[in-house]
Amino acid sequence: MKSTGTKLDNLEQQAAVKSFLNSLLADKVEAWTQEEELGFSEIYHELIHKINDCVSPLSNALYSSIMVYKKESEFLIHAGANIDPETTEQLKDPIFRNCAEKQAAVSALTCDKETNKALKILFLFRKAHQCEIFPAEKLIPCKDCYKAYIEDLIANSGKLVLVIEDDEPREFLLPGYKAAESVNEIRTFKTTMGEAIHYVIFDSEAMKFLKVEKELGMRVCG
């Protein structure tokens, strides 16, 4: 069976990464310290690099994810990239889906025996083809991944972080969420190397209002 899941030992050992993850869980969404920014930068580069493992001849969709599990005071970190099934119809069937999130979760279970009970943070990135601008729905976890992972993130008071290639305004949340305007804001910070990292952070309450696709497969087949 194909697999793209990887345990990121290199990130787990870095003080800057630990500092950033702890700040994220403490509801800090910007104005990070230099060390925290360095930690986010390290995660960002792993997300970008992981895109190279995607297998997507049918969907042409390039997704990478990083899942962070917390065990006592330690973080366990796993990455994954999406793998297309054999037919387009199978993209609409959860049995055959191998989303980036699923691949990271399989790695966590295989390497660390970790389940969603310890899942605290999910990073997700979709790479554009040329200068394509994706609508919000195509940057949010799919319907199957929402049920499989986001619902547990909500229960765990976790965080969802979308890393985006541009800062075009989007509506990620359904109407009715009182803080939608501030949560929908795409934030940006520049690394010490001059790179601009665009991102949106959702807490457990905001995740309940995500604009998840109505039918599985719509965001990659539509």
Protein backbone atom coordinates (compact mmCIF):
# COMPACT_ATOMS: atom_id res chain seq x y z
CA MET A 1 0.00 0.00 0.00
CA LYS A 2 1.24 3.48 -0.87
CA SER A 3 2.19 5.71 2.01
CA THR A 4 3.38 9.29 2.41
CA GLY A 5 3.15 9.52 6.19
CA THR A 6 6.32 10.61 7.96
CA LYS A 7 7.31 11.14 11.56
CA LEU A 8 9.06 14.50 11.87
CA ASP A 9 11.65 13.77 14.54
CA ASN A 10 13.59 16.84 13.46
CA LEU A 11 10.72 19.15 14.43
CA GLU A 12 9.92 17.34 17.67
CA GLN A 13 13.36 18.11 19.07
CA GLN A 14 13.48 21.83 18.23
CA ALA A 15 12.94 24.27 21.09
CA ALA A 16 11.62 26.92 18.69
CA VAL A 17 8.95 24.55 17.36
CA LYS A 18 7.88 23.60 20.88
CA SER A 19 7.69 27.26 21.82
CA PHE A 20 5.51 28.07 18.81
CA LEU A 21 3.16 25.12 19.36
CA ASN A 22 2.70 26.02 23.02
CA SER A 23 1.92 29.63 22.09
CA LEU A 24 -0.62 28.43 19.53
CA LEU A 25 -2.38 26.28 22.11
CA ALA A 26 -2.38 29.31 24.42
CA ASP A 27 -4.50 31.17 21.81
CA LYS A 28 -1.72 33.36 20.44
CA VAL A 29 -2.45 34.04 16.75
CA GLU A 30 0.13 36.72 15.93
CA ALA A 31 2.83 39.00 17.40
CA TRP A 32 4.97 35.99 18.17
CA THR A 33 8.46 36.18 19.61
CA GLN A 34 11.40 35.65 17.30
CA GLU A 35 11.74 32.08 18.59
CA GLU A 36 8.05 31.34 18.00
CA GLU A 37 8.26 32.74 14.47
CA LEU A 38 11.25 30.51 13.82
CA GLY A 39 9.20 27.53 14.97
CA PHE A 40 6.35 28.40 12.60
CA SER A 41 8.87 28.88 9.79
CA GLU A 42 10.25 25.37 10.36
CA ILE A 43 6.75 23.88 10.18
CA TYR A 44 6.00 25.94 7.06
CA HIS A 45 9.06 24.61 5.25
CA GLU A 46 8.13 21.02 6.11
CA LEU A 47 4.63 21.58 4.69
CA ILE A 48 6.06 22.99 1.46
CA HIS A 49 8.57 20.16 1.15
CA LYS A 50 5.92 17.49 1.81
CA ILE A 51 4.04 18.51 -1.34
CA ASN A 52 6.73 16.63 -3.30
CA ASP A 53 5.29 13.35 -1.98
CA CYS A 54 1.78 13.90 -3.40
CA VAL A 55 0.44 11.29 -5.84
CA SER A 56 -2.41 13.01 -7.68
CA PRO A 57 -2.72 12.08 -11.39
CA LEU A 58 -6.54 12.24 -11.23
CA SER A 59 -7.30 15.22 -9.03
CA ASN A 60 -4.17 17.29 -9.72
CA ALA A 61 -4.64 18.41 -6.12
CA LEU A 62 -1.53 18.96 -4.03
CA TYR A 63 -2.18 18.87 -0.28
CA SER A 64 0.17 18.43 2.64
CA SER A 65 -0.63 18.25 6.32
CA ILE A 66 1.16 18.20 9.64
CA MET A 67 -0.58 16.74 12.67
CA VAL A 68 0.61 17.55 16.17
CA TYR A 69 -0.17 15.24 19.08
CA LYS A 70 0.54 16.12 22.69
CA LYS A 71 1.68 13.46 25.13
CA GLU A 72 2.09 14.98 28.58
CA SER A 73 4.49 17.88 27.91
CA GLU A 74 5.95 16.48 24.68
CA PHE A 75 4.80 16.98 21.09
CA LEU A 76 4.68 14.17 18.52
CA ILE A 77 4.61 15.48 14.95
CA HIS A 78 3.65 13.67 11.74
CA ALA A 79 3.26 14.80 8.14
CA GLY A 80 1.33 13.44 5.17
CA ALA A 81 0.57 14.18 1.51
CA ASN A 82 -2.53 13.15 -0.44
CA ILE A 83 -2.64 10.04 -2.62
CA ASP A 84 -5.29 9.66 -5.34
CA PRO A 85 -7.24 6.39 -5.62
CA GLU A 86 -7.42 4.53 -8.93
CA THR A 87 -10.59 6.12 -10.36
CA THR A 88 -12.29 9.51 -10.23
CA GLU A 89 -15.43 7.96 -8.72
CA GLN A 90 -13.37 6.63 -5.83
CA LEU A 91 -12.46 10.21 -4.92
CA LYS A 92 -16.05 10.51 -3.69
CA ASP A 93 -15.84 7.38 -1.54
CA PRO A 94 -14.29 7.71 1.95
CA ILE A 95 -13.07 4.10 1.82
CA PHE A 96 -10.69 4.94 -1.03
CA ARG A 97 -9.68 8.43 0.04
CA ASN A 98 -6.09 9.00 1.15
CA CYS A 99 -6.10 12.64 2.13
CA ALA A 100 -2.96 14.28 3.49
CA GLU A 101 -4.55 14.25 6.94
CA LYS A 102 -5.20 10.50 6.78
CA GLN A 103 -1.62 9.77 5.80
CA ALA A 104 -0.28 11.80 8.74
CA ALA A 105 -2.72 10.08 11.12
CA VAL A 106 -1.66 6.62 9.91
CA SER A 107 1.97 7.55 10.53
CA ALA A 108 1.11 8.68 14.08
CA LEU A 109 -0.72 5.44 14.81
CA THR A 110 2.01 3.27 13.28
CA CYS A 111 5.05 5.02 14.76
CA ASP A 112 3.76 6.38 18.06
CA LYS A 113 0.53 4.46 18.69
CA GLU A 114 -1.21 7.83 18.90
CA THR A 115 -4.89 8.36 18.11
CA ASN A 116 -7.16 11.38 17.80
CA LYS A 117 -7.45 11.49 21.59
CA ALA A 118 -4.07 13.22 21.64
CA LEU A 119 -4.53 15.30 18.46
CA LYS A 120 -4.09 19.00 19.28
CA ILE A 121 -3.12 20.87 16.10
CA LEU A 122 -3.66 20.28 12.37
CA PHE A 123 -1.77 22.28 9.73
CA LEU A 124 -3.05 22.03 6.15
CA PHE A 125 -1.61 23.46 2.95
CA ARG A 126 -2.78 23.30 -0.67
CA LYS A 127 -0.34 24.25 -3.39
CA ALA A 128 -1.71 26.15 -6.35
CA HIS A 129 -0.96 25.45 -10.00
CA GLN A 130 0.63 28.59 -11.39
CA CYS A 131 -1.26 31.58 -9.93
CA GLU A 132 -4.57 29.85 -9.16
CA ILE A 133 -6.61 31.42 -6.35
CA PHE A 134 -8.55 28.78 -4.43
CA PRO A 135 -11.93 29.54 -2.86
CA ALA A 136 -12.19 28.99 0.89
CA GLU A 137 -13.95 25.62 0.54
CA LYS A 138 -10.95 24.14 -1.29
CA LEU A 139 -8.56 25.07 1.49
CA ILE A 140 -10.66 23.58 4.30
CA PRO A 141 -10.49 19.86 5.22
CA CYS A 142 -12.88 17.71 3.19
CA LYS A 143 -16.16 16.36 4.56
CA ASP A 144 -14.63 13.00 5.49
CA CYS A 145 -11.62 14.59 7.24
CA TYR A 146 -13.94 16.93 9.12
CA LYS A 147 -15.70 13.94 10.66
CA ALA A 148 -12.49 11.95 11.12
CA TYR A 149 -10.24 14.66 12.60
CA ILE A 150 -11.82 18.11 13.00
CA GLU A 151 -14.59 16.87 15.27
CA ASP A 152 -11.92 15.41 17.55
CA LEU A 153 -9.88 18.62 17.37
CA ILE A 154 -12.99 20.45 18.53
CA ALA A 155 -13.46 18.01 21.41
CA ASN A 156 -9.77 18.41 22.34
CA SER A 157 -9.94 22.24 22.27
CA GLY A 158 -7.37 22.06 19.48
CA LYS A 159 -6.39 24.34 16.60
CA LEU A 160 -6.68 24.17 12.82
CA VAL A 161 -4.12 26.21 10.87
CA LEU A 162 -4.50 26.80 7.14
CA VAL A 163 -1.30 27.91 5.43
CA ILE A 164 -2.15 29.73 2.20
CA GLU A 165 -0.10 30.94 -0.76
CA ASP A 166 -1.86 34.30 -1.06
CA ASP A 167 -3.69 36.80 1.13
CA GLU A 168 -6.84 37.26 -0.96
CA PRO A 169 -9.88 37.80 1.30
CA ARG A 170 -12.10 34.75 1.80
CA GLU A 171 -15.08 33.66 3.89
CA PHE A 172 -14.05 30.44 5.61
CA LEU A 173 -16.93 30.37 8.09
CA LEU A 174 -20.67 29.97 7.71
CA PRO A 175 -22.89 32.93 8.63
CA GLY A 176 -23.83 32.99 12.28
CA TYR A 177 -20.43 32.88 13.94
CA LYS A 178 -20.13 36.06 15.98
CA ALA A 179 -16.38 36.53 15.44
CA ALA A 180 -16.37 35.54 11.75
CA GLU A 181 -14.83 38.79 10.52
CA SER A 182 -11.73 38.57 12.70
CA VAL A 183 -11.32 34.80 12.25
CA ASN A 184 -11.62 35.05 8.45
CA GLU A 185 -8.70 37.48 8.39
CA ILE A 186 -5.68 36.06 6.57
CA ARG A 187 -2.69 37.04 8.67
CA THR A 188 0.88 37.37 7.43
CA PHE A 189 4.33 37.47 8.94
CA LYS A 190 7.72 37.59 7.28
CA THR A 191 10.45 35.19 8.24
CA THR A 192 14.03 36.27 8.83
CA MET A 193 14.68 35.10 5.24
CA GLY A 194 12.07 37.54 3.94
CA GLU A 195 9.43 34.92 3.13
CA ALA A 196 5.79 35.92 3.66
CA ILE A 197 3.74 33.23 5.40
CA HIS A 198 -0.03 33.66 5.08
CA TYR A 199 -2.23 31.75 7.50
CA VAL A 200 -5.61 31.48 9.23
CA ILE A 201 -6.10 29.92 12.67
CA PHE A 202 -9.37 28.40 13.85
CA ASP A 203 -10.09 27.48 17.45
CA SER A 204 -12.54 24.80 18.55
CA GLU A 205 -15.57 27.11 18.45
CA ALA A 206 -14.82 28.53 14.99
CA MET A 207 -14.26 25.04 13.55
CA LYS A 208 -17.93 24.27 14.17
CA PHE A 209 -18.80 26.87 11.51
CA LEU A 210 -16.34 25.89 8.75
CA LYS A 211 -17.70 25.91 5.19
CA VAL A 212 -17.13 22.20 4.62
CA GLU A 213 -17.97 20.82 1.16
CA LYS A 214 -21.57 19.56 0.85
CA GLU A 215 -20.58 16.32 -0.89
CA LEU A 216 -17.33 14.40 -0.47
CA GLY A 217 -15.00 14.97 -3.42
CA MET A 218 -16.40 18.35 -4.45
CA ARG A 219 -13.31 20.30 -3.51
CA VAL A 220 -10.99 18.19 -5.68
CA CYS A 221 -13.41 17.13 -8.42
CA GLY A 222 -15.32 20.38 -8.77
